[in-house]
Protein backbone atom coordinates (compact mmCIF):
# COMPACT_ATOMS: atom_id res chain seq x y z
CA MET A 1 41.41 17.01 -4.48
CA THR A 2 38.99 19.28 -2.60
CA LEU A 3 35.95 17.85 -0.84
CA GLY A 4 33.63 19.61 -3.30
CA ARG A 5 35.50 18.22 -6.28
CA ALA A 6 35.55 14.71 -4.79
CA ALA A 7 31.79 14.88 -4.12
CA ALA A 8 31.11 16.08 -7.67
CA LEU A 9 33.16 13.26 -9.18
CA ARG A 10 31.44 10.74 -6.91
CA ASP A 11 28.08 11.98 -8.17
CA PHE A 12 29.32 11.78 -11.76
CA ARG A 13 30.39 8.17 -11.23
CA THR A 14 27.00 7.40 -9.67
CA LEU A 15 25.18 8.90 -12.65
CA LEU A 16 27.52 7.09 -15.04
CA ALA A 17 26.82 3.73 -13.34
CA GLY A 18 23.07 4.25 -13.72
CA GLN A 19 23.49 5.23 -17.33
CA VAL A 20 25.59 2.14 -18.02
CA ALA A 21 22.59 0.05 -16.92
CA SER A 22 20.12 2.23 -18.85
CA ALA A 23 22.18 2.19 -22.05
CA LEU A 24 22.57 -1.59 -21.83
CA GLY A 25 18.81 -2.05 -21.47
CA THR A 26 18.14 0.36 -24.32
CA ARG A 27 20.42 -1.58 -26.66
CA ILE A 28 18.83 -4.88 -25.67
CA SER A 29 15.32 -3.64 -26.45
CA GLY A 30 16.69 -1.73 -29.46
CA VAL A 31 17.44 -5.03 -31.17
CA ALA A 32 14.16 -6.59 -30.06
CA THR A 33 11.89 -3.72 -31.13
CA PRO A 34 12.44 -3.87 -34.92
CA LEU A 35 12.41 -7.67 -34.77
CA LEU A 36 9.07 -7.62 -32.94
CA ALA A 37 7.70 -5.01 -35.35
CA LEU A 38 8.74 -7.13 -38.34
CA ALA A 39 7.19 -10.22 -36.76
CA LEU A 40 3.88 -8.41 -36.10
CA THR A 41 3.58 -6.52 -39.38
CA HIS A 42 5.84 -8.30 -41.92
CA SER A 43 6.57 -4.81 -43.28
CA ALA A 44 9.86 -2.88 -43.44
CA THR A 45 7.82 0.31 -43.92
CA LYS A 46 5.87 -0.21 -40.67
CA THR A 47 9.07 -1.15 -38.89
CA GLY A 48 10.48 2.15 -40.11
CA VAL A 49 7.40 3.91 -38.68
CA VAL A 50 8.17 2.44 -35.23
CA GLU A 51 11.78 3.65 -35.48
CA PHE A 52 10.49 7.02 -36.73
CA ALA A 53 8.24 7.33 -33.65
CA GLY A 54 11.19 6.61 -31.37
CA THR A 55 13.32 9.37 -32.87
CA LEU A 56 10.55 11.91 -33.57
CA PRO A 57 10.76 13.47 -30.05
CA ILE A 58 14.26 14.68 -30.89
CA LEU A 59 12.67 16.92 -33.50
CA VAL A 60 9.45 17.99 -31.77
CA LEU A 61 10.44 18.10 -28.08
CA SER A 62 14.14 18.96 -27.84
CA LEU A 63 13.78 22.75 -27.88
CA TYR A 64 11.00 22.77 -25.29
CA ALA A 65 12.93 20.28 -23.17
CA GLY A 66 15.89 22.66 -23.25
CA VAL A 67 13.78 25.49 -21.84
CA ALA A 68 12.42 23.24 -19.09
CA ILE A 69 15.93 22.06 -18.23
CA ASP A 70 17.12 25.66 -17.80
CA ARG A 71 13.98 26.73 -15.91
CA TYR A 72 13.39 23.84 -13.55
CA ASP A 73 15.23 21.31 -11.44
CA ARG A 74 17.20 19.04 -13.77
CA LYS A 75 17.29 16.16 -11.32
CA ARG A 76 13.49 16.00 -11.02
CA LEU A 77 13.07 16.08 -14.79
CA MET A 78 15.53 13.20 -15.15
CA LEU A 79 13.62 11.16 -12.57
CA VAL A 80 10.31 11.68 -14.40
CA CYS A 81 11.92 10.59 -17.68
CA GLU A 82 13.24 7.30 -16.29
CA LEU A 83 9.96 6.49 -14.53
CA ALA A 84 7.95 7.04 -17.73
CA ARG A 85 10.35 4.93 -19.79
CA ALA A 86 10.26 2.06 -17.29
CA ILE A 87 6.45 1.97 -17.36
CA ALA A 88 6.34 2.15 -21.17
CA LEU A 89 8.77 -0.74 -21.72
CA ALA A 90 7.06 -2.83 -19.05
CA SER A 91 3.80 -2.41 -20.98
CA VAL A 92 5.37 -4.02 -24.07
CA ALA A 93 6.56 -6.98 -22.01
CA ALA A 94 3.06 -7.35 -20.56
CA GLY A 95 1.53 -7.10 -24.04
CA VAL A 96 3.76 -9.88 -25.35
CA ILE A 97 3.09 -12.12 -22.36
CA TRP A 98 -0.69 -11.66 -22.37
CA GLY A 99 -1.12 -11.39 -26.13
CA PHE A 100 -2.34 -7.81 -26.60
CA VAL A 101 0.81 -6.24 -28.06
CA SER A 102 0.11 -4.39 -31.32
CA PHE A 103 1.74 -2.21 -33.93
CA GLY A 104 0.00 0.87 -32.47
CA GLN A 105 1.31 0.08 -29.00
CA LEU A 106 4.87 -0.25 -30.32
CA VAL A 107 4.56 3.15 -32.00
CA ALA A 108 3.26 4.78 -28.80
CA VAL A 109 5.89 3.16 -26.57
CA ALA A 110 8.66 4.11 -28.98
CA PHE A 111 7.52 7.74 -28.81
CA VAL A 112 7.42 7.75 -24.98
CA ASP A 113 10.83 6.11 -24.82
CA GLY A 114 12.21 8.63 -27.30
CA ALA A 115 10.71 11.55 -25.39
CA GLY A 116 12.31 10.31 -22.17
CA PHE A 117 15.65 9.82 -23.88
CA THR A 118 15.57 13.26 -25.49
CA THR A 119 14.83 15.12 -22.26
CA PHE A 120 17.15 13.03 -20.10
CA GLU A 121 20.07 13.28 -22.51
CA VAL A 122 19.84 17.07 -22.84
CA ALA A 123 19.54 17.40 -19.05
CA GLN A 124 22.54 15.14 -18.54
CA ARG A 125 24.66 17.15 -20.96
CA ALA A 126 23.56 20.39 -19.34
CA ALA A 127 24.50 19.07 -15.89
CA LEU A 128 27.93 17.72 -16.89
CA LYS A 129 29.76 20.94 -16.02
CA GLN A 130 28.29 20.77 -12.49
CA LEU A 131 29.72 17.29 -11.95
CA VAL A 132 33.13 17.38 -13.63
CA PRO A 133 36.01 19.93 -13.38
CA SER A 134 36.56 21.71 -16.69
CA GLU A 135 39.98 20.15 -17.29
CA GLU A 136 38.44 16.68 -17.08
CA LEU A 137 35.52 17.32 -19.44
CA PRO A 138 37.15 15.55 -22.44
CA HIS A 139 37.77 12.45 -20.31
CA ALA A 140 34.21 12.53 -18.92
CA ALA A 141 32.78 12.91 -22.43
CA ALA A 142 34.89 9.95 -23.59
CA LEU A 143 33.59 7.88 -20.64
CA ASN A 144 30.02 8.70 -21.67
CA GLN A 145 30.86 7.58 -25.19
CA ARG A 146 32.48 4.40 -23.84
CA ARG A 147 29.29 3.71 -21.91
CA GLU A 148 27.26 3.85 -25.11
CA TYR A 149 29.61 1.66 -27.11
CA GLY A 150 30.01 -0.79 -24.24
CA ALA A 151 26.23 -1.11 -24.23
CA LEU A 152 26.35 -1.77 -27.97
CA LEU A 153 29.05 -4.38 -27.46
CA LEU A 154 27.13 -6.31 -24.80
CA GLY A 155 23.53 -5.27 -25.40
CA THR A 156 23.11 -6.06 -29.06
CA PRO A 157 24.10 -9.74 -28.92
CA ALA A 158 22.23 -10.08 -25.62
CA GLY A 159 19.15 -8.48 -27.19
CA GLY A 160 19.16 -10.92 -30.09
CA ALA A 161 19.75 -13.91 -27.84
CA LEU A 162 17.11 -12.89 -25.28
CA TYR A 163 14.56 -12.19 -28.02
CA GLY A 164 15.25 -15.68 -29.40
CA LEU A 165 14.48 -17.15 -25.97
CA SER A 166 11.37 -15.06 -25.32
CA ARG A 167 10.03 -11.96 -27.03
CA ALA A 168 9.09 -10.41 -23.67
CA VAL A 169 12.44 -10.70 -21.88
CA PRO A 170 14.34 -7.85 -23.66
CA PHE A 171 11.59 -5.41 -22.69
CA VAL A 172 11.56 -6.59 -19.07
CA VAL A 173 15.33 -6.06 -18.91
CA ASP A 174 15.03 -2.54 -20.35
CA ALA A 175 12.30 -1.58 -17.87
CA VAL A 176 14.53 -2.77 -15.00
CA SER A 177 17.48 -0.83 -16.42
CA TYR A 178 15.48 2.41 -16.35
CA ALA A 179 14.56 1.70 -12.73
CA ALA A 180 18.28 1.32 -11.94
CA SER A 181 18.99 4.63 -13.66
CA LEU A 182 16.22 6.30 -11.64
CA ILE A 183 17.84 5.08 -8.40
CA SER A 184 21.25 6.42 -9.48
CA VAL A 185 19.76 9.88 -10.09
CA LEU A 186 18.12 9.78 -6.66
CA LEU A 187 21.55 9.14 -5.11
CA ILE A 188 23.12 12.28 -6.61
CA ARG A 189 23.70 14.80 -3.82
CA ARG A 190 25.04 17.77 -5.75
CA PRO A 191 22.60 20.31 -7.30
CA LEU A 192 22.58 19.98 -11.09
CA ASN A 193 21.66 23.63 -11.70
CA GLU A 194 23.57 26.80 -10.95
CA GLY A 195 21.62 29.80 -9.66
CA ARG A 196 19.31 31.32 -12.22
CA GLY A 197 19.65 34.92 -13.33
CA PRO A 198 16.61 37.14 -13.89
CA SER A 199 16.91 36.90 -17.67
CA THR A 200 15.90 33.23 -17.63
CA GLY A 201 12.91 33.51 -15.32
CA PRO A 202 9.34 32.58 -16.23
CA ALA A 203 8.56 36.18 -17.30
CA GLN A 204 10.08 35.34 -20.69
CA THR A 205 8.03 33.39 -23.19
CA ILE A 206 9.15 29.89 -24.10
CA HIS A 207 9.93 30.93 -27.65
CA ALA A 208 11.99 33.90 -26.47
CA GLU A 209 14.06 31.56 -24.33
CA ILE A 210 14.51 29.15 -27.24
CA ALA A 211 15.61 32.10 -29.38
CA GLU A 212 18.37 32.89 -26.87
CA GLY A 213 19.81 29.41 -27.35
CA VAL A 214 19.53 29.66 -31.14
CA ARG A 215 21.28 33.03 -31.20
CA TRP A 216 24.12 31.82 -28.99
CA LEU A 217 24.80 28.81 -31.21
CA TRP A 218 24.49 30.87 -34.39
CA HIS A 219 27.23 33.21 -33.19
CA GLU A 220 29.64 30.31 -32.62
CA PRO A 221 30.82 29.54 -36.19
CA PHE A 222 32.71 26.35 -35.34
CA LEU A 223 29.79 24.83 -33.43
CA ARG A 224 27.32 26.03 -36.05
CA ALA A 225 29.28 24.32 -38.84
CA ASN A 226 29.64 21.15 -36.80
CA SER A 227 25.90 20.98 -36.20
CA LEU A 228 25.33 20.85 -39.95
CA LEU A 229 27.88 18.08 -40.40
CA VAL A 230 26.34 16.04 -37.61
CA VAL A 231 22.99 16.26 -39.44
CA ALA A 232 24.46 14.13 -42.19
CA SER A 233 26.60 11.79 -40.10
CA ASP A 234 24.01 11.01 -37.42
CA LEU A 235 21.23 10.58 -39.97
CA THR A 236 23.42 8.12 -41.85
CA VAL A 237 24.78 6.01 -38.98
CA ASN A 238 21.39 5.85 -37.23
CA SER A 239 19.53 4.94 -40.43
CA LEU A 240 22.09 2.25 -41.23
CA TYR A 241 21.00 0.40 -38.10
CA LEU A 242 17.65 -0.36 -39.73
CA VAL A 243 19.34 -1.03 -43.07
CA VAL A 244 21.68 -3.74 -41.79
CA VAL A 245 18.97 -5.37 -39.61
CA VAL A 246 16.55 -5.63 -42.55
CA ILE A 247 19.25 -6.80 -44.99
CA ALA A 248 20.43 -9.47 -42.54
CA ARG A 249 16.88 -10.62 -41.79
CA ARG A 250 16.07 -10.88 -45.50
CA SER A 251 19.27 -12.94 -45.93
CA GLY A 252 17.93 -15.44 -43.41
CA ALA A 253 19.87 -14.37 -40.31
CA SER A 254 18.44 -15.43 -36.97
CA ALA A 255 17.77 -12.97 -34.15
CA ALA A 256 20.88 -14.24 -32.33
CA LEU A 257 23.05 -13.79 -35.44
CA ILE A 258 21.75 -10.25 -35.91
CA GLY A 259 22.70 -9.52 -32.30
CA ALA A 260 26.19 -10.91 -32.94
CA MET A 261 26.44 -8.83 -36.12
CA LEU A 262 25.64 -5.63 -34.24
CA LEU A 263 28.27 -6.49 -31.60
CA PHE A 264 30.87 -5.02 -33.96
CA LEU A 265 29.32 -1.56 -33.51
CA GLY A 266 30.28 -1.73 -29.86
CA LEU A 267 33.76 -3.07 -30.64
CA GLY A 268 34.46 -0.24 -33.06
CA GLY A 269 33.17 2.36 -30.64
CA ILE A 270 35.12 0.95 -27.67
CA VAL A 271 38.35 1.09 -29.66
CA GLY A 272 37.55 4.68 -30.58
CA THR A 273 36.79 5.76 -27.01
CA VAL A 274 40.04 4.23 -25.70
CA VAL A 275 42.19 6.22 -28.11
CA ALA A 276 40.05 9.39 -28.28
CA PRO A 277 41.43 11.20 -25.15
CA ARG A 278 45.03 10.67 -26.30
CA LEU A 279 44.27 11.73 -29.84
CA LEU A 280 42.50 14.85 -28.59
CA ARG A 281 45.66 15.85 -26.73
CA ALA A 282 47.91 15.15 -29.70
CA LEU A 283 45.85 16.11 -32.74
CA PRO A 284 43.46 18.92 -33.70
CA LEU A 285 39.75 18.17 -33.40
CA GLN A 286 39.55 18.54 -37.17
CA ALA A 287 41.35 15.19 -37.52
CA GLY A 288 38.40 13.47 -35.84
CA ILE A 289 35.90 15.35 -37.99
CA TYR A 290 37.56 14.54 -41.31
CA GLY A 291 38.46 11.00 -40.28
CA THR A 292 34.87 10.18 -39.30
CA LEU A 293 33.26 11.66 -42.39
CA ILE A 294 35.68 10.03 -44.82
CA THR A 295 35.48 6.61 -43.14
CA ILE A 296 31.67 6.53 -43.27
CA THR A 297 31.64 7.75 -46.87
CA VAL A 298 34.15 5.19 -48.12
CA LEU A 299 32.44 2.22 -46.43
CA LEU A 300 28.86 2.94 -47.52
CA PRO A 301 29.22 1.52 -51.08
CA VAL A 302 30.61 -1.68 -49.54
CA ILE A 303 27.46 -2.11 -47.45
CA ALA A 304 25.47 -1.79 -50.69
CA VAL A 305 26.97 -5.02 -52.05
CA VAL A 306 27.69 -7.16 -48.96
CA ARG A 307 25.03 -9.58 -47.72
CA ASP A 308 26.85 -11.74 -45.19
CA PRO A 309 25.57 -10.60 -41.76
CA LEU A 310 28.90 -10.78 -39.91
CA THR A 311 30.72 -8.95 -42.70
CA LEU A 312 28.01 -6.29 -42.61
CA GLY A 313 28.59 -5.96 -38.88
CA VAL A 314 32.37 -5.56 -39.30
CA ILE A 315 31.94 -2.84 -41.93
CA TYR A 316 29.27 -1.00 -39.94
CA GLY A 317 31.37 -1.24 -36.77
CA ALA A 318 34.45 0.17 -38.51
CA MET A 319 32.54 3.42 -39.06
CA PHE A 320 32.51 3.96 -35.29
CA ILE A 321 36.27 3.78 -34.69
CA PRO A 322 37.01 7.46 -35.52
CA TYR A 323 33.62 8.72 -34.30
CA PRO A 324 34.41 9.10 -30.55
CA MET A 325 37.29 11.50 -31.17
CA TRP A 326 34.92 13.88 -32.94
CA SER A 327 31.96 13.30 -30.63
CA ALA A 328 33.84 13.43 -27.29
CA GLY A 329 35.94 16.39 -28.35
CA LEU A 330 32.95 18.32 -29.58
CA SER A 331 30.91 17.51 -26.45
CA ALA A 332 33.71 18.69 -24.17
CA TYR A 333 34.28 21.86 -26.18
CA ARG A 334 30.56 22.63 -26.24
CA ALA A 335 30.10 22.04 -22.49
CA SER A 336 33.02 24.33 -21.69
CA ARG A 337 31.82 27.15 -23.95
CA ILE A 338 28.12 27.35 -23.05
CA PRO A 339 27.15 29.42 -19.96
CA ASP A 340 25.25 27.27 -17.44
CA GLU A 341 22.08 29.35 -17.68
CA LEU A 342 22.00 28.50 -21.41
CA GLN A 343 23.21 24.90 -21.23
CA GLY A 344 19.82 23.24 -21.66
CA ARG A 345 18.68 25.47 -24.49
CA VAL A 346 21.90 25.45 -26.51
CA GLN A 347 22.38 21.72 -26.02
CA SER A 348 18.78 21.18 -27.16
CA VAL A 349 19.24 23.42 -30.21
CA PHE A 350 22.36 21.50 -31.16
CA THR A 351 20.49 18.24 -30.60
CA VAL A 352 17.49 19.16 -32.73
CA VAL A 353 19.66 20.54 -35.54
CA SER A 354 21.99 17.56 -35.58
CA LEU A 355 19.46 14.78 -34.92
CA GLY A 356 16.19 16.30 -36.11
CA ALA A 357 16.57 14.69 -39.52
CA VAL A 358 17.01 11.20 -38.02
CA PRO A 359 13.24 10.45 -37.71
CA PHE A 360 12.75 11.22 -41.39
CA GLY A 361 15.87 9.22 -42.20
CA MET A 362 14.40 6.20 -40.41
CA LEU A 363 11.06 6.63 -42.17
CA GLY A 364 12.70 7.20 -45.56
CA VAL A 365 15.04 4.26 -45.14
CA GLY A 366 12.11 1.99 -44.26
CA VAL A 367 10.25 3.05 -47.43
CA SER A 368 13.43 2.80 -49.51
CA LEU A 369 14.17 -0.70 -48.26
CA GLN A 370 10.61 -1.77 -49.03
CA HIS A 371 10.52 -0.38 -52.57
CA LEU A 372 14.14 0.09 -53.72
CA GLY A 373 15.93 -2.65 -51.83
CA GLY A 374 19.06 -3.11 -49.76
CA ALA A 375 21.51 -2.18 -52.53
CA THR A 376 20.09 1.23 -53.50
CA THR A 377 19.37 2.51 -49.97
CA PRO A 378 23.03 2.64 -48.80
CA LEU A 379 23.95 4.42 -52.03
CA ILE A 380 21.43 7.16 -51.27
CA LEU A 381 23.11 7.62 -47.87
CA PHE A 382 26.47 7.61 -49.67
CA GLY A 383 25.35 10.69 -51.61
CA VAL A 384 24.46 12.43 -48.34
CA MET A 385 27.92 11.74 -46.92
CA VAL A 386 29.74 12.86 -50.07
CA ALA A 387 28.01 16.24 -49.74
CA ALA A 388 28.86 16.46 -46.01
CA SER A 389 32.52 15.59 -46.57
CA GLY A 390 32.79 18.19 -49.31
CA TYR A 391 31.28 20.84 -47.03
CA ALA A 392 33.69 19.97 -44.19
CA ILE A 393 36.73 20.24 -46.45
CA ALA A 394 35.55 23.57 -47.92
CA SER A 395 34.39 25.21 -44.66
CA PRO A 396 36.85 27.77 -43.20
CA HIS A 397 35.04 27.51 -39.85
CA ILE A 398 36.02 23.84 -39.62
CA ARG A 399 39.56 24.31 -40.90
CA HIS A 400 40.29 27.20 -38.51
CA GLY A 401 38.43 25.86 -35.48
CA PRO A 402 40.04 24.90 -32.14
CA GLN A 403 43.30 23.07 -32.72
CA ALA A 404 43.46 21.20 -29.39
CA VAL A 405 40.37 20.70 -27.28
CA ALA A 406 42.26 20.08 -24.04
CA ALA A 407 44.07 23.39 -24.41
CA ASP A 408 40.78 25.27 -24.79
CA LEU A 409 39.30 23.99 -21.50
């Protein structure tokens, strides 16, 4: 291993360690936030508004974040994101302790946290090719997925238990986790940007730069088709988080039991991330795409009728077993294909296309749970997934896409 490669991998491990802490804190507060919103407002609709505010930056900021990430120093942007998130979460803890926390504050903090996540995540994806050799991108993407699911595994039960002890503690922990992430970014020695060509300089307008990213993605049929599929899958699995929390709470589950229920999301994801690299070497990426879509679709009607919290958790968690093969494979393929000078913009375009519907999904699910109930809401999401699965099966761009991700890198 060359010195440069060793240094890059060391920096990747440093960043990964910080993100393990950050993801764990996010999951801990992610359980506490809807519980606190429900306790303050006694309204599933208002709880949905808080979740909507947290995901709205994906829609309204992603494209502009992508331009900034390609124009400016990625490391500095990542530091600003983690500092802002730490201050925002600390303010919730202070509000709980001193009695001034409010619904409006939760909405504002959720938006700041979401804005920091959106910018940081796009910057991290854009920088991945600077930190990891191309042949190791699938493994690195799987490690990033494992980080997220490990945080789900540990963070969700911890979030429920900590909230049961004190409503302030989960938010203190999350603020500290962002501080740890900030330190890890400070320790990275390697530049996270390649040299910029003249075509991406400030002489171009922001919208012209965004258009470059849109055009690049549009002319990649396999990635374009995948972005449409991820609209449906990410909207569904993210919205289900609120669905199962509200259903469990209405069934009398305690905060600790809800945390234990959500532990199965992490278990399912961890299993998926362990097998994903091997499957990506042995099977076409299409196997992960079809497997994920069909699994989610088949299990949604079951969620519509089950009310036992732990059973809900098992079913929800099973949806995540095939997901890492699709997600890690697609992330690695995307990182390898996009030129560095377009990484931020194309990654942001993919993010806003695939996740832009999530805020409205959260808002719609909150309203649906309030007025239609916990049986009808999963069936609406079932219809979304039936349409997505049909599109995937019919699309020639999916069927004839890359057969083995590792071979394409």
